[in-house]
Full PDB file with SEQRES, HELIX, SHEET, SSBOND, CRYST1, ORIGX, SCALE, CONECT and MASTER records, all heavy atoms in Angstrom:
SEQRES   1 A   39  ASN VAL ALA LEU THR PRO THR GLU MET ARG LEU LEU LEU          
SEQRES   2 A   39  GLU PHE SER ASN ALA PRO GLY THR VAL LEU SER ARG ASP          
SEQRES   3 A   39  ARG LEU LEU GLU ARG VAL TRP ASP TYR GLY TRP GLY GLY          
HELIX    1 AA1 PRO A    6  SER A   16  1                                  11    
HELIX    2 AA2 ARG A   25  VAL A   32  1                                   8    
CRYST1    1.000    1.000    1.000  90.00  90.00  90.00 P 1           1          
ORIGX1      1.000000  0.000000  0.000000        0.00000                         
ORIGX2      0.000000  1.000000  0.000000        0.00000                         
ORIGX3      0.000000  0.000000  1.000000        0.00000                         
SCALE1      1.000000  0.000000  0.000000        0.00000                         
SCALE2      0.000000  1.000000  0.000000        0.00000                         
SCALE3      0.000000  0.000000  1.000000        0.00000                         
ATOM      1  N   ASN A   1       0.824  -1.200   0.000  1.00  0.00           N  
ATOM      2  CA  ASN A   1       0.000   0.000   0.000  1.00  0.00           C  
ATOM      3  C   ASN A   1       0.867   1.264   0.000  1.00  0.00           C  
ATOM      4  O   ASN A   1       1.901   1.316   0.677  1.00  0.00           O  
ATOM      5  CB  ASN A   1      -0.929   0.024   1.211  1.00  0.00           C  
ATOM      6  CG  ASN A   1      -2.070  -0.966   1.094  1.00  0.00           C  
ATOM      7  OD1 ASN A   1      -2.473  -1.323  -0.015  1.00  0.00           O  
ATOM      8  ND2 ASN A   1      -2.605  -1.398   2.223  1.00  0.00           N  
ATOM      9  N   VAL A   2       0.429   2.264  -0.762  1.00  0.00           N  
ATOM     10  CA  VAL A   2       1.108   3.553  -0.822  1.00  0.00           C  
ATOM     11  C   VAL A   2       0.176   4.594  -0.215  1.00  0.00           C  
ATOM     12  O   VAL A   2      -0.969   4.740  -0.649  1.00  0.00           O  
ATOM     13  CB  VAL A   2       1.443   3.930  -2.280  1.00  0.00           C  
ATOM     14  CG1 VAL A   2       2.113   5.302  -2.320  1.00  0.00           C  
ATOM     15  CG2 VAL A   2       2.332   2.874  -2.923  1.00  0.00           C  
ATOM     16  N   ALA A   3       0.658   5.322   0.787  1.00  0.00           N  
ATOM     17  CA  ALA A   3      -0.156   6.338   1.448  1.00  0.00           C  
ATOM     18  C   ALA A   3      -0.057   7.648   0.685  1.00  0.00           C  
ATOM     19  O   ALA A   3       1.024   8.236   0.565  1.00  0.00           O  
ATOM     20  CB  ALA A   3       0.309   6.528   2.892  1.00  0.00           C  
ATOM     21  N   LEU A   4      -1.188   8.108   0.147  1.00  0.00           N  
ATOM     22  CA  LEU A   4      -1.237   9.376  -0.571  1.00  0.00           C  
ATOM     23  C   LEU A   4      -2.174  10.336   0.151  1.00  0.00           C  
ATOM     24  O   LEU A   4      -3.153   9.917   0.754  1.00  0.00           O  
ATOM     25  CB  LEU A   4      -1.747   9.175  -2.001  1.00  0.00           C  
ATOM     26  CG  LEU A   4      -0.964   8.257  -2.932  1.00  0.00           C  
ATOM     27  CD1 LEU A   4      -1.621   8.235  -4.310  1.00  0.00           C  
ATOM     28  CD2 LEU A   4       0.491   8.690  -3.041  1.00  0.00           C  
ATOM     29  N   THR A   5      -1.860  11.612   0.067  1.00  0.00           N  
ATOM     30  CA  THR A   5      -2.802  12.616   0.541  1.00  0.00           C  
ATOM     31  C   THR A   5      -3.941  12.705  -0.484  1.00  0.00           C  
ATOM     32  O   THR A   5      -3.794  12.262  -1.627  1.00  0.00           O  
ATOM     33  CB  THR A   5      -2.139  13.992   0.669  1.00  0.00           C  
ATOM     34  OG1 THR A   5      -1.787  14.469  -0.635  1.00  0.00           O  
ATOM     35  CG2 THR A   5      -0.890  13.925   1.538  1.00  0.00           C  
ATOM     36  N   PRO A   6      -5.084  13.274  -0.102  1.00  0.00           N  
ATOM     37  CA  PRO A   6      -6.170  13.415  -1.071  1.00  0.00           C  
ATOM     38  C   PRO A   6      -5.768  14.173  -2.330  1.00  0.00           C  
ATOM     39  O   PRO A   6      -6.192  13.826  -3.432  1.00  0.00           O  
ATOM     40  CB  PRO A   6      -7.252  14.155  -0.273  1.00  0.00           C  
ATOM     41  CG  PRO A   6      -7.026  13.715   1.136  1.00  0.00           C  
ATOM     42  CD  PRO A   6      -5.523  13.632   1.267  1.00  0.00           C  
ATOM     43  N   THR A   7      -4.957  15.215  -2.192  1.00  0.00           N  
ATOM     44  CA  THR A   7      -4.530  15.952  -3.382  1.00  0.00           C  
ATOM     45  C   THR A   7      -3.661  15.082  -4.270  1.00  0.00           C  
ATOM     46  O   THR A   7      -3.804  15.082  -5.505  1.00  0.00           O  
ATOM     47  CB  THR A   7      -3.775  17.231  -2.985  1.00  0.00           C  
ATOM     48  OG1 THR A   7      -4.634  18.067  -2.218  1.00  0.00           O  
ATOM     49  CG2 THR A   7      -3.311  17.995  -4.222  1.00  0.00           C  
ATOM     50  N   GLU A   8      -2.750  14.335  -3.685  1.00  0.00           N  
ATOM     51  CA  GLU A   8      -1.917  13.422  -4.467  1.00  0.00           C  
ATOM     52  C   GLU A   8      -2.766  12.358  -5.151  1.00  0.00           C  
ATOM     53  O   GLU A   8      -2.512  11.984  -6.309  1.00  0.00           O  
ATOM     54  CB  GLU A   8      -0.869  12.769  -3.564  1.00  0.00           C  
ATOM     55  CG  GLU A   8       0.191  13.722  -3.054  1.00  0.00           C  
ATOM     56  CD  GLU A   8       0.993  13.174  -1.894  1.00  0.00           C  
ATOM     57  OE1 GLU A   8       0.643  12.083  -1.373  1.00  0.00           O  
ATOM     58  OE2 GLU A   8       1.960  13.828  -1.493  1.00  0.00           O  
ATOM     59  N   MET A   9      -3.805  11.884  -4.454  1.00  0.00           N  
ATOM     60  CA  MET A   9      -4.671  10.867  -5.040  1.00  0.00           C  
ATOM     61  C   MET A   9      -5.438  11.439  -6.216  1.00  0.00           C  
ATOM     62  O   MET A   9      -5.561  10.789  -7.265  1.00  0.00           O  
ATOM     63  CB  MET A   9      -5.641  10.333  -3.977  1.00  0.00           C  
ATOM     64  CG  MET A   9      -6.482   9.155  -4.441  1.00  0.00           C  
ATOM     65  SD  MET A   9      -5.488   7.666  -4.660  1.00  0.00           S  
ATOM     66  CE  MET A   9      -6.613   6.617  -5.585  1.00  0.00           C  
ATOM     67  N   ARG A  10      -5.945  12.630  -6.081  1.00  0.00           N  
ATOM     68  CA  ARG A  10      -6.673  13.256  -7.186  1.00  0.00           C  
ATOM     69  C   ARG A  10      -5.756  13.470  -8.379  1.00  0.00           C  
ATOM     70  O   ARG A  10      -6.153  13.298  -9.534  1.00  0.00           O  
ATOM     71  CB  ARG A  10      -7.287  14.591  -6.740  1.00  0.00           C  
ATOM     72  CG  ARG A  10      -8.460  14.451  -5.786  1.00  0.00           C  
ATOM     73  CD  ARG A  10      -9.032  15.808  -5.441  1.00  0.00           C  
ATOM     74  NE  ARG A  10      -9.607  16.453  -6.616  1.00  0.00           N  
ATOM     75  CZ  ARG A  10     -10.905  16.424  -6.923  1.00  0.00           C  
ATOM     76  NH1 ARG A  10     -11.750  15.776  -6.146  1.00  0.00           N  
ATOM     77  NH2 ARG A  10     -11.348  17.043  -7.994  1.00  0.00           N  
ATOM     78  N   LEU A  11      -4.520  13.861  -8.114  1.00  0.00           N  
ATOM     79  CA  LEU A  11      -3.557  14.052  -9.191  1.00  0.00           C  
ATOM     80  C   LEU A  11      -3.281  12.733  -9.906  1.00  0.00           C  
ATOM     81  O   LEU A  11      -3.275  12.670 -11.148  1.00  0.00           O  
ATOM     82  CB  LEU A  11      -2.261  14.627  -8.608  1.00  0.00           C  
ATOM     83  CG  LEU A  11      -1.150  15.004  -9.580  1.00  0.00           C  
ATOM     84  CD1 LEU A  11      -1.614  16.058 -10.577  1.00  0.00           C  
ATOM     85  CD2 LEU A  11       0.072  15.498  -8.805  1.00  0.00           C  
ATOM     86  N   LEU A  12      -3.086  11.663  -9.138  1.00  0.00           N  
ATOM     87  CA  LEU A  12      -2.838  10.356  -9.746  1.00  0.00           C  
ATOM     88  C   LEU A  12      -4.041   9.874 -10.542  1.00  0.00           C  
ATOM     89  O   LEU A  12      -3.892   9.264 -11.615  1.00  0.00           O  
ATOM     90  CB  LEU A  12      -2.478   9.332  -8.661  1.00  0.00           C  
ATOM     91  CG  LEU A  12      -2.193   7.903  -9.157  1.00  0.00           C  
ATOM     92  CD1 LEU A  12      -1.087   7.895 -10.203  1.00  0.00           C  
ATOM     93  CD2 LEU A  12      -1.835   6.996  -7.992  1.00  0.00           C  
ATOM     94  N   LEU A  13      -5.249  10.151 -10.063  1.00  0.00           N  
ATOM     95  CA  LEU A  13      -6.450   9.753 -10.801  1.00  0.00           C  
ATOM     96  C   LEU A  13      -6.524  10.461 -12.150  1.00  0.00           C  
ATOM     97  O   LEU A  13      -6.941   9.854 -13.151  1.00  0.00           O  
ATOM     98  CB  LEU A  13      -7.701  10.034  -9.979  1.00  0.00           C  
ATOM     99  CG  LEU A  13      -7.963   9.116  -8.783  1.00  0.00           C  
ATOM    100  CD1 LEU A  13      -9.158   9.604  -7.996  1.00  0.00           C  
ATOM    101  CD2 LEU A  13      -8.177   7.674  -9.235  1.00  0.00           C  
ATOM    102  N   GLU A  14      -6.130  11.731 -12.190  1.00  0.00           N  
ATOM    103  CA  GLU A  14      -6.119  12.444 -13.471  1.00  0.00           C  
ATOM    104  C   GLU A  14      -5.173  11.770 -14.451  1.00  0.00           C  
ATOM    105  O   GLU A  14      -5.500  11.579 -15.629  1.00  0.00           O  
ATOM    106  CB  GLU A  14      -5.709  13.908 -13.266  1.00  0.00           C  
ATOM    107  CG  GLU A  14      -6.773  14.776 -12.623  1.00  0.00           C  
ATOM    108  CD  GLU A  14      -8.038  14.859 -13.457  1.00  0.00           C  
ATOM    109  OE1 GLU A  14      -7.924  14.968 -14.696  1.00  0.00           O  
ATOM    110  OE2 GLU A  14      -9.129  14.818 -12.866  1.00  0.00           O  
ATOM    111  N   PHE A  15      -3.988  11.401 -13.980  1.00  0.00           N  
ATOM    112  CA  PHE A  15      -3.034  10.707 -14.848  1.00  0.00           C  
ATOM    113  C   PHE A  15      -3.550   9.320 -15.236  1.00  0.00           C  
ATOM    114  O   PHE A  15      -3.429   8.891 -16.388  1.00  0.00           O  
ATOM    115  CB  PHE A  15      -1.684  10.574 -14.144  1.00  0.00           C  
ATOM    116  CG  PHE A  15      -0.892  11.844 -14.086  1.00  0.00           C  
ATOM    117  CD1 PHE A  15      -0.515  12.381 -12.866  1.00  0.00           C  
ATOM    118  CD2 PHE A  15      -0.517  12.511 -15.243  1.00  0.00           C  
ATOM    119  CE1 PHE A  15       0.222  13.553 -12.806  1.00  0.00           C  
ATOM    120  CE2 PHE A  15       0.218  13.684 -15.190  1.00  0.00           C  
ATOM    121  CZ  PHE A  15       0.590  14.208 -13.970  1.00  0.00           C  
ATOM    122  N   SER A  16      -4.139   8.612 -14.272  1.00  0.00           N  
ATOM    123  CA  SER A  16      -4.589   7.243 -14.519  1.00  0.00           C  
ATOM    124  C   SER A  16      -5.728   7.184 -15.522  1.00  0.00           C  
ATOM    125  O   SER A  16      -5.883   6.198 -16.241  1.00  0.00           O  
ATOM    126  CB  SER A  16      -5.031   6.586 -13.204  1.00  0.00           C  
ATOM    127  OG  SER A  16      -3.965   6.526 -12.283  1.00  0.00           O  
ATOM    128  N   ASN A  17      -6.542   8.234 -15.550  1.00  0.00           N  
ATOM    129  CA  ASN A  17      -7.660   8.276 -16.490  1.00  0.00           C  
ATOM    130  C   ASN A  17      -7.223   8.571 -17.913  1.00  0.00           C  
ATOM    131  O   ASN A  17      -8.011   8.422 -18.850  1.00  0.00           O  
ATOM    132  CB  ASN A  17      -8.689   9.324 -16.039  1.00  0.00           C  
ATOM    133  CG  ASN A  17      -9.468   8.876 -14.821  1.00  0.00           C  
ATOM    134  OD1 ASN A  17      -9.663   7.685 -14.595  1.00  0.00           O  
ATOM    135  ND2 ASN A  17      -9.918   9.829 -14.017  1.00  0.00           N  
ATOM    136  N   ALA A  18      -5.962   8.995 -18.070  1.00  0.00           N  
ATOM    137  CA  ALA A  18      -5.474   9.312 -19.421  1.00  0.00           C  
ATOM    138  C   ALA A  18      -4.013   8.899 -19.562  1.00  0.00           C  
ATOM    139  O   ALA A  18      -3.137   9.726 -19.821  1.00  0.00           O  
ATOM    140  CB  ALA A  18      -5.642  10.799 -19.698  1.00  0.00           C  
ATOM    141  N   PRO A  19      -3.707   7.609 -19.378  1.00  0.00           N  
ATOM    142  CA  PRO A  19      -2.308   7.166 -19.473  1.00  0.00           C  
ATOM    143  C   PRO A  19      -1.740   7.430 -20.860  1.00  0.00           C  
ATOM    144  O   PRO A  19      -2.413   7.248 -21.868  1.00  0.00           O  
ATOM    145  CB  PRO A  19      -2.400   5.668 -19.176  1.00  0.00           C  
ATOM    146  CG  PRO A  19      -3.808   5.287 -19.518  1.00  0.00           C  
ATOM    147  CD  PRO A  19      -4.636   6.487 -19.172  1.00  0.00           C  
ATOM    148  N   GLY A  20      -0.511   7.913 -20.873  1.00  0.00           N  
ATOM    149  CA  GLY A  20       0.142   8.199 -22.141  1.00  0.00           C  
ATOM    150  C   GLY A  20      -0.224   9.541 -22.727  1.00  0.00           C  
ATOM    151  O   GLY A  20       0.369   9.969 -23.726  1.00  0.00           O  
ATOM    152  N   THR A  21      -1.191  10.233 -22.147  1.00  0.00           N  
ATOM    153  CA  THR A  21      -1.624  11.545 -22.631  1.00  0.00           C  
ATOM    154  C   THR A  21      -0.913  12.641 -21.846  1.00  0.00           C  
ATOM    155  O   THR A  21      -0.854  12.591 -20.614  1.00  0.00           O  
ATOM    156  CB  THR A  21      -3.145  11.713 -22.469  1.00  0.00           C  
ATOM    157  OG1 THR A  21      -3.816  10.695 -23.228  1.00  0.00           O  
ATOM    158  CG2 THR A  21      -3.594  13.073 -22.951  1.00  0.00           C  
ATOM    159  N   VAL A  22      -0.377  13.620 -22.555  1.00  0.00           N  
ATOM    160  CA  VAL A  22       0.289  14.730 -21.882  1.00  0.00           C  
ATOM    161  C   VAL A  22      -0.758  15.660 -21.285  1.00  0.00           C  
ATOM    162  O   VAL A  22      -1.656  16.138 -21.985  1.00  0.00           O  
ATOM    163  CB  VAL A  22       1.178  15.515 -22.869  1.00  0.00           C  
ATOM    164  CG1 VAL A  22       1.831  16.701 -22.152  1.00  0.00           C  
ATOM    165  CG2 VAL A  22       2.245  14.606 -23.457  1.00  0.00           C  
ATOM    166  N   LEU A  23      -0.653  15.900 -19.985  1.00  0.00           N  
ATOM    167  CA  LEU A  23      -1.565  16.801 -19.276  1.00  0.00           C  
ATOM    168  C   LEU A  23      -0.805  18.068 -18.918  1.00  0.00           C  
ATOM    169  O   LEU A  23       0.227  18.010 -18.247  1.00  0.00           O  
ATOM    170  CB  LEU A  23      -2.104  16.131 -18.011  1.00  0.00           C  
ATOM    171  CG  LEU A  23      -2.804  14.780 -18.205  1.00  0.00           C  
ATOM    172  CD1 LEU A  23      -3.325  14.262 -16.869  1.00  0.00           C  
ATOM    173  CD2 LEU A  23      -3.941  14.893 -19.204  1.00  0.00           C  
ATOM    174  N   SER A  24      -1.312  19.184 -19.365  1.00  0.00           N  
ATOM    175  CA  SER A  24      -0.645  20.455 -19.087  1.00  0.00           C  
ATOM    176  C   SER A  24      -0.811  20.842 -17.623  1.00  0.00           C  
ATOM    177  O   SER A  24      -1.734  20.397 -16.935  1.00  0.00           O  
ATOM    178  CB  SER A  24      -1.220  21.565 -19.974  1.00  0.00           C  
ATOM    179  OG  SER A  24      -2.548  21.867 -19.579  1.00  0.00           O  
ATOM    180  N   ARG A  25       0.077  21.698 -17.157  1.00  0.00           N  
ATOM    181  CA  ARG A  25      -0.027  22.187 -15.786  1.00  0.00           C  
ATOM    182  C   ARG A  25      -1.331  22.957 -15.581  1.00  0.00           C  
ATOM    183  O   ARG A  25      -1.958  22.857 -14.524  1.00  0.00           O  
ATOM    184  CB  ARG A  25       1.175  23.064 -15.448  1.00  0.00           C  
ATOM    185  CG  ARG A  25       2.488  22.292 -15.378  1.00  0.00           C  
ATOM    186  CD  ARG A  25       3.671  23.247 -15.275  1.00  0.00           C  
ATOM    187  NE  ARG A  25       4.926  22.521 -15.086  1.00  0.00           N  
ATOM    188  CZ  ARG A  25       5.632  21.998 -16.085  1.00  0.00           C  
ATOM    189  NH1 ARG A  25       5.195  22.102 -17.338  1.00  0.00           N  
ATOM    190  NH2 ARG A  25       6.770  21.370 -15.835  1.00  0.00           N  
ATOM    191  N   ASP A  26      -1.738  23.746 -16.589  1.00  0.00           N  
ATOM    192  CA  ASP A  26      -2.985  24.491 -16.464  1.00  0.00           C  
ATOM    193  C   ASP A  26      -4.182  23.561 -16.334  1.00  0.00           C  
ATOM    194  O   ASP A  26      -5.103  23.817 -15.548  1.00  0.00           O  
ATOM    195  CB  ASP A  26      -3.179  25.406 -17.675  1.00  0.00           C  
ATOM    196  CG  ASP A  26      -2.247  26.601 -17.651  1.00  0.00           C  
ATOM    197  OD1 ASP A  26      -1.733  26.924 -16.560  1.00  0.00           O  
ATOM    198  OD2 ASP A  26      -2.024  27.205 -18.713  1.00  0.00           O  
ATOM    199  N   ARG A  27      -4.183  22.463 -17.098  1.00  0.00           N  
ATOM    200  CA  ARG A  27      -5.296  21.517 -16.990  1.00  0.00           C  
ATOM    201  C   ARG A  27      -5.316  20.876 -15.611  1.00  0.00           C  
ATOM    202  O   ARG A  27      -6.383  20.718 -15.003  1.00  0.00           O  
ATOM    203  CB  ARG A  27      -5.178  20.432 -18.062  1.00  0.00           C  
ATOM    204  CG  ARG A  27      -6.215  19.319 -17.896  1.00  0.00           C  
ATOM    205  CD  ARG A  27      -6.164  18.302 -18.993  1.00  0.00           C  
ATOM    206  NE  ARG A  27      -6.992  17.136 -18.685  1.00  0.00           N  
ATOM    207  CZ  ARG A  27      -7.185  16.118 -19.508  1.00  0.00           C  
ATOM    208  NH1 ARG A  27      -6.624  16.115 -20.707  1.00  0.00           N  
ATOM    209  NH2 ARG A  27      -7.935  15.098 -19.152  1.00  0.00           N  
ATOM    210  N   LEU A  28      -4.136  20.522 -15.095  1.00  0.00           N  
ATOM    211  CA  LEU A  28      -4.087  19.907 -13.771  1.00  0.00           C  
ATOM    212  C   LEU A  28      -4.514  20.891 -12.689  1.00  0.00           C  
ATOM    213  O   LEU A  28      -5.192  20.512 -11.730  1.00  0.00           O  
ATOM    214  CB  LEU A  28      -2.680  19.371 -13.498  1.00  0.00           C  
ATOM    215  CG  LEU A  28      -2.274  18.174 -14.378  1.00  0.00           C  
ATOM    216  CD1 LEU A  28      -0.788  17.876 -14.212  1.00  0.00           C  
ATOM    217  CD2 LEU A  28      -3.111  16.944 -14.042  1.00  0.00           C  
ATOM    218  N   LEU A  29      -4.129  22.162 -12.831  1.00  0.00           N  
ATOM    219  CA  LEU A  29      -4.582  23.173 -11.880  1.00  0.00           C  
ATOM    220  C   LEU A  29      -6.096  23.275 -11.879  1.00  0.00           C  
ATOM    221  O   LEU A  29      -6.732  23.406 -10.836  1.00  0.00           O  
ATOM    222  CB  LEU A  29      -3.975  24.539 -12.229  1.00  0.00           C  
ATOM    223  CG  LEU A  29      -2.549  24.802 -11.752  1.00  0.00           C  
ATOM    224  CD1 LEU A  29      -2.021  26.086 -12.376  1.00  0.00           C  
ATOM    225  CD2 LEU A  29      -2.465  24.871 -10.238  1.00  0.00           C  
ATOM    226  N   GLU A  30      -6.689  23.208 -13.060  1.00  0.00           N  
ATOM    227  CA  GLU A  30      -8.145  23.318 -13.164  1.00  0.00           C  
ATOM    228  C   GLU A  30      -8.843  22.088 -12.614  1.00  0.00           C  
ATOM    229  O   GLU A  30      -9.832  22.198 -11.873  1.00  0.00           O  
ATOM    230  CB  GLU A  30      -8.540  23.515 -14.626  1.00  0.00           C  
ATOM    231  CG  GLU A  30     -10.044  23.637 -14.836  1.00  0.00           C  
ATOM    232  CD  GLU A  30     -10.406  23.850 -16.289  1.00  0.00           C  
ATOM    233  OE1 GLU A  30      -9.491  23.986 -17.124  1.00  0.00           O  
ATOM    234  OE2 GLU A  30     -11.616  23.883 -16.590  1.00  0.00           O  
ATOM    235  N   ARG A  31      -8.326  20.903 -12.939  1.00  0.00           N  
ATOM    236  CA  ARG A  31      -9.015  19.672 -12.571  1.00  0.00           C  
ATOM    237  C   ARG A  31      -8.757  19.247 -11.133  1.00  0.00           C  
ATOM    238  O   ARG A  31      -9.653  18.724 -10.459  1.00  0.00           O  
ATOM    239  CB  ARG A  31      -8.598  18.540 -13.527  1.00  0.00           C  
ATOM    240  CG  ARG A  31      -8.993  18.780 -14.973  1.00  0.00           C  
ATOM    241  CD  ARG A  31     -10.494  18.746 -15.155  1.00  0.00           C  
ATOM    242  NE  ARG A  31     -11.047  17.454 -14.800  1.00  0.00           N  
ATOM    243  CZ  ARG A  31     -11.165  16.437 -15.652  1.00  0.00           C  
ATOM    244  NH1 ARG A  31     -10.783  16.590 -16.904  1.00  0.00           N  
ATOM    245  NH2 ARG A  31     -11.674  15.284 -15.259  1.00  0.00           N  
ATOM    246  N   VAL A  32      -7.542  19.448 -10.651  1.00  0.00           N  
ATOM    247  CA  VAL A  32      -7.177  18.984  -9.311  1.00  0.00           C  
ATOM    248  C   VAL A  32      -7.339  20.088  -8.271  1.00  0.00           C  
ATOM    249  O   VAL A  32      -7.854  19.850  -7.182  1.00  0.00           O  
ATOM    250  CB  VAL A  32      -5.732  18.442  -9.295  1.00  0.00           C  
ATOM    251  CG1 VAL A  32      -5.329  18.014  -7.880  1.00  0.00           C  
ATOM    252  CG2 VAL A  32      -5.584  17.272 -10.266  1.00  0.00           C  
ATOM    253  N   TRP A  33      -6.928  21.311  -8.621  1.00  0.00           N  
ATOM    254  CA  TRP A  33      -6.959  22.414  -7.644  1.00  0.00           C  
ATOM    255  C   TRP A  33      -8.160  23.329  -7.824  1.00  0.00           C  
ATOM    256  O   TRP A  33      -8.317  24.276  -7.071  1.00  0.00           O  
ATOM    257  CB  TRP A  33      -5.656  23.216  -7.710  1.00  0.00           C  
ATOM    258  CG  TRP A  33      -4.541  22.546  -6.985  1.00  0.00           C  
ATOM    259  CD1 TRP A  33      -4.174  22.735  -5.686  1.00  0.00           C  
ATOM    260  CD2 TRP A  33      -3.635  21.562  -7.511  1.00  0.00           C  
ATOM    261  NE1 TRP A  33      -3.113  21.937  -5.367  1.00  0.00           N  
ATOM    262  CE2 TRP A  33      -2.755  21.196  -6.472  1.00  0.00           C  
ATOM    263  CE3 TRP A  33      -3.488  20.948  -8.750  1.00  0.00           C  
ATOM    264  CZ2 TRP A  33      -1.741  20.265  -6.637  1.00  0.00           C  
ATOM    265  CZ3 TRP A  33      -2.485  20.006  -8.926  1.00  0.00           C  
ATOM    266  CH2 TRP A  33      -1.626  19.674  -7.880  1.00  0.00           C  
ATOM    267  N   ASP A  34      -8.973  23.088  -8.838  1.00  0.00           N  
ATOM    268  CA  ASP A  34     -10.179  23.881  -9.058  1.00  0.00           C  
ATOM    269  C   ASP A  34      -9.839  25.329  -9.385  1.00  0.00           C  
ATOM    270  O   ASP A  34     -10.539  26.257  -8.993  1.00  0.00           O  
ATOM    271  CB  ASP A  34     -11.096  23.802  -7.834  1.00  0.00           C  
ATOM    272  CG  ASP A  34     -12.527  24.225  -8.137  1.00  0.00           C  
ATOM    273  OD1 ASP A  34     -12.887  24.253  -9.327  1.00  0.00           O  
ATOM    274  OD2 ASP A  34     -13.280  24.541  -7.199  1.00  0.00           O  
ATOM    275  N   TYR A  35      -8.740  25.548 -10.087  1.00  0.00           N  
ATOM    276  CA  TYR A  35      -8.323  26.884 -10.497  1.00  0.00           C  
ATOM    277  C   TYR A  35      -8.733  27.115 -11.943  1.00  0.00           C  
ATOM    278  O   TYR A  35      -7.943  26.955 -12.870  1.00  0.00           O  
ATOM    279  CB  TYR A  35      -6.808  27.050 -10.401  1.00  0.00           C  
ATOM    280  CG  TYR A  35      -6.253  27.151  -9.012  1.00  0.00           C  
ATOM    281  CD1 TYR A  35      -4.886  27.224  -8.801  1.00  0.00           C  
ATOM    282  CD2 TYR A  35      -7.087  27.170  -7.903  1.00  0.00           C  
ATOM    283  CE1 TYR A  35      -4.357  27.318  -7.529  1.00  0.00           C  
ATOM    284  CE2 TYR A  35      -6.569  27.266  -6.625  1.00  0.00           C  
ATOM    285  CZ  TYR A  35      -5.203  27.336  -6.445  1.00  0.00           C  
ATOM    286  OH  TYR A  35      -4.679  27.425  -5.192  1.00  0.00           O  
ATOM    287  N   GLY A  36      -9.975  27.501 -12.168  1.00  0.00           N  
ATOM    288  CA  GLY A  36     -10.413  27.771 -13.517  1.00  0.00           C  
ATOM    289  C   GLY A  36      -9.727  28.979 -14.123  1.00  0.00           C  
ATOM    290  O   GLY A  36      -9.627  29.118 -15.336  1.00  0.00           O  
ATOM    291  N   TRP A  37      -9.208  29.857 -13.255  1.00  0.00           N  
ATOM    292  CA  TRP A  37      -8.549  31.081 -13.723  1.00  0.00           C  
ATOM    293  C   TRP A  37      -7.051  30.918 -13.890  1.00  0.00           C  
ATOM    294  O   TRP A  37      -6.357  31.836 -14.272  1.00  0.00           O  
ATOM    295  CB  TRP A  37      -8.797  32.204 -12.716  1.00  0.00           C  
ATOM    296  CG  TRP A  37      -8.560  31.769 -11.302  1.00  0.00           C  
ATOM    297  CD1 TRP A  37      -9.478  31.258 -10.442  1.00  0.00           C  
ATOM    298  CD2 TRP A  37      -7.329  31.784 -10.591  1.00  0.00           C  
ATOM    299  NE1 TRP A  37      -8.896  30.950  -9.238  1.00  0.00           N  
ATOM    300  CE2 TRP A  37      -7.575  31.272  -9.308  1.00  0.00           C  
ATOM    301  CE3 TRP A  37      -6.036  32.174 -10.923  1.00  0.00           C  
ATOM    302  CZ2 TRP A  37      -6.576  31.136  -8.354  1.00  0.00           C  
ATOM    303  CZ3 TRP A  37      -5.044  32.038  -9.968  1.00  0.00           C  
ATOM    304  CH2 TRP A  37      -5.324  31.527  -8.693  1.00  0.00           C  
ATOM    305  N   GLY A  38      -6.533  29.739 -13.630  1.00  0.00           N  
ATOM    306  CA  GLY A  38      -5.088  29.542 -13.658  1.00  0.00           C  
ATOM    307  C   GLY A  38      -4.504  29.793 -12.288  1.00  0.00           C  
ATOM    308  O   GLY A  38      -5.165  30.264 -11.375  1.00  0.00           O  
ATOM    309  N   GLY A  39      -3.233  29.494 -12.117  1.00  0.00           N  
ATOM    310  CA  GLY A  39      -2.602  29.673 -10.819  1.00  0.00           C  
ATOM    311  C   GLY A  39      -1.113  29.400 -10.924  1.00  0.00           C  
ATOM    312  O   GLY A  39      -0.556  29.278 -12.011  1.00  0.00           O  
TER     313      GLY A  39                                                      
MASTER        0    0    0    2    0    0    0    6  312    1    0    3          
END                                                                             
């Protein structure tokens, strides 16, 4: 078992849902951190 924080888990889920697909930092900010305006 690997202990992840909720934010780390959400980040891994984003990657796991699109393996092999390049995810931009802006997309990850929007999907994981809820920053629709960027950050």
